[in-house]
C-alpha atoms as a PDB file:
ATOM      1  CA  MET A   1      29.922-173.241 -83.405  1.00  0.00           C
ATOM      2  CA  ASP A   2      26.483-174.229 -84.612  1.00  0.00           C
ATOM      3  CA  LEU A   3      23.706-174.656 -82.026  1.00  0.00           C
ATOM      4  CA  PHE A   4      23.043-178.157 -83.341  1.00  0.00           C
ATOM      5  CA  VAL A   5      26.659-179.156 -82.619  1.00  0.00           C
ATOM      6  CA  VAL A   6      26.346-177.790 -79.088  1.00  0.00           C
ATOM      7  CA  VAL A   7      23.208-179.881 -78.512  1.00  0.00           C
ATOM      8  CA  ILE A   8      24.974-183.009 -79.804  1.00  0.00           C
ATOM      9  CA  ILE A   9      27.959-182.384 -77.523  1.00  0.00           C
ATOM     10  CA  ALA A  10      25.614-181.842 -74.569  1.00  0.00           C
ATOM     11  CA  ALA A  11      23.860-185.158 -75.320  1.00  0.00           C
ATOM     12  CA  ILE A  12      27.217-186.954 -75.494  1.00  0.00           C
ATOM     13  CA  LEU A  13      28.331-185.422 -72.199  1.00  0.00           C
ATOM     14  CA  ALA A  14      25.025-186.374 -70.559  1.00  0.00           C
ATOM     15  CA  THR A  15      25.521-189.964 -71.731  1.00  0.00           C
ATOM     16  CA  VAL A  16      29.066-190.105 -70.375  1.00  0.00           C
ATOM     17  CA  ALA A  17      28.019-188.540 -67.064  1.00  0.00           C
ATOM     18  CA  THR A  18      25.204-191.066 -66.672  1.00  0.00           C
ATOM     19  CA  VAL A  19      27.578-193.960 -67.370  1.00  0.00           C
ATOM     20  CA  PHE A  20      30.062-192.742 -64.747  1.00  0.00           C
ATOM     21  CA  LEU A  21      27.296-192.113 -62.226  1.00  0.00           C
ATOM     22  CA  GLY A  22      25.972-195.623 -62.837  1.00  0.00           C
ATOM     23  CA  VAL A  23      29.409-197.152 -62.323  1.00  0.00           C
ATOM     24  CA  LEU A  24      29.908-195.208 -59.101  1.00  0.00           C
ATOM     25  CA  THR A  25      26.481-196.270 -57.875  1.00  0.00           C
ATOM     26  CA  MET A  26      27.184-199.918 -58.652  1.00  0.00           C
ATOM     27  CA  SER A  27      30.529-199.763 -56.873  1.00  0.00           C
ATOM     28  CA  ALA A  28      28.841-198.362 -53.744  1.00  0.00           C
ATOM     29  CA  GLY A  29      26.478-201.320 -53.604  1.00  0.00           C
ATOM     30  CA  GLY A  30      23.805-201.717 -50.986  1.00  0.00           C
ATOM     31  CA  SER A  31      20.416-200.055 -51.092  1.00  0.00           C
ATOM     32  CA  THR A  32      21.691-197.152 -53.211  1.00  0.00           C
ATOM     33  CA  ASP A  33      22.623-199.566 -55.969  1.00  0.00           C
ATOM     34  CA  LYS A  34      19.266-201.309 -55.797  1.00  0.00           C
ATOM     35  CA  THR A  35      17.242-198.102 -55.988  1.00  0.00           C
ATOM     36  CA  LEU A  36      19.266-196.173 -58.578  1.00  0.00           C
ATOM     37  CA  SER A  37      20.729-198.761 -60.950  1.00  0.00           C
ATOM     38  CA  THR A  38      17.627-199.261 -63.092  1.00  0.00           C
ATOM     39  CA  PRO A  39      16.680-195.566 -63.455  1.00  0.00           C
ATOM     40  CA  LEU A  40      20.285-194.707 -64.318  1.00  0.00           C
ATOM     41  CA  MET A  41      20.373-197.483 -66.907  1.00  0.00           C
ATOM     42  CA  TRP A  42      17.203-196.169 -68.555  1.00  0.00           C
ATOM     43  CA  ALA A  43      18.547-192.627 -68.476  1.00  0.00           C
ATOM     44  CA  ARG A  44      21.742-193.823 -70.177  1.00  0.00           C
ATOM     45  CA  VAL A  45      19.794-195.672 -72.847  1.00  0.00           C
ATOM     46  CA  GLY A  46      17.653-192.588 -73.438  1.00  0.00           C
ATOM     47  CA  PHE A  47      20.663-190.294 -73.726  1.00  0.00           C
ATOM     48  CA  GLN A  48      22.351-192.733 -76.100  1.00  0.00           C
ATOM     49  CA  ALA A  49      19.244-192.909 -78.271  1.00  0.00           C
ATOM     50  CA  LEU A  50      18.993-189.115 -78.311  1.00  0.00           C
ATOM     51  CA  THR A  51      22.664-188.797 -79.240  1.00  0.00           C
ATOM     52  CA  LEU A  52      22.358-191.305 -82.079  1.00  0.00           C
ATOM     53  CA  LEU A  53      19.212-189.639 -83.369  1.00  0.00           C
ATOM     54  CA  LEU A  54      20.882-186.222 -83.341  1.00  0.00           C
ATOM     55  CA  LEU A  55      23.955-187.605 -85.102  1.00  0.00           C
ATOM     56  CA  PHE A  56      21.844-189.228 -87.824  1.00  0.00           C
ATOM     57  CA  VAL A  57      19.919-185.983 -88.322  1.00  0.00           C
ATOM     58  CA  ALA A  58      23.195-184.051 -88.518  1.00  0.00           C
ATOM     59  CA  ILE A  59      24.513-186.445 -91.153  1.00  0.00           C
ATOM     60  CA  ARG A  60      21.323-186.157 -93.204  1.00  0.00           C
ATOM     61  CA  LEU A  61      21.311-182.341 -93.021  1.00  0.00           C
ATOM     62  CA  ARG A  62      24.907-181.895 -94.120  1.00  0.00           C
END
């Protein structure tokens, strides 16, 4: 497997993990939700942007 494919898969997994962590944090509620919801949302958006960028680069290189 190409290193670039491994990086794309890692970015996808990081996005999915951040989404699940955000959902678990929201379901817990309370002060944990208030302190972690915004940073987790920004992390998810960043991982999604990275994943899309890597996918577009992979399409252009192939």
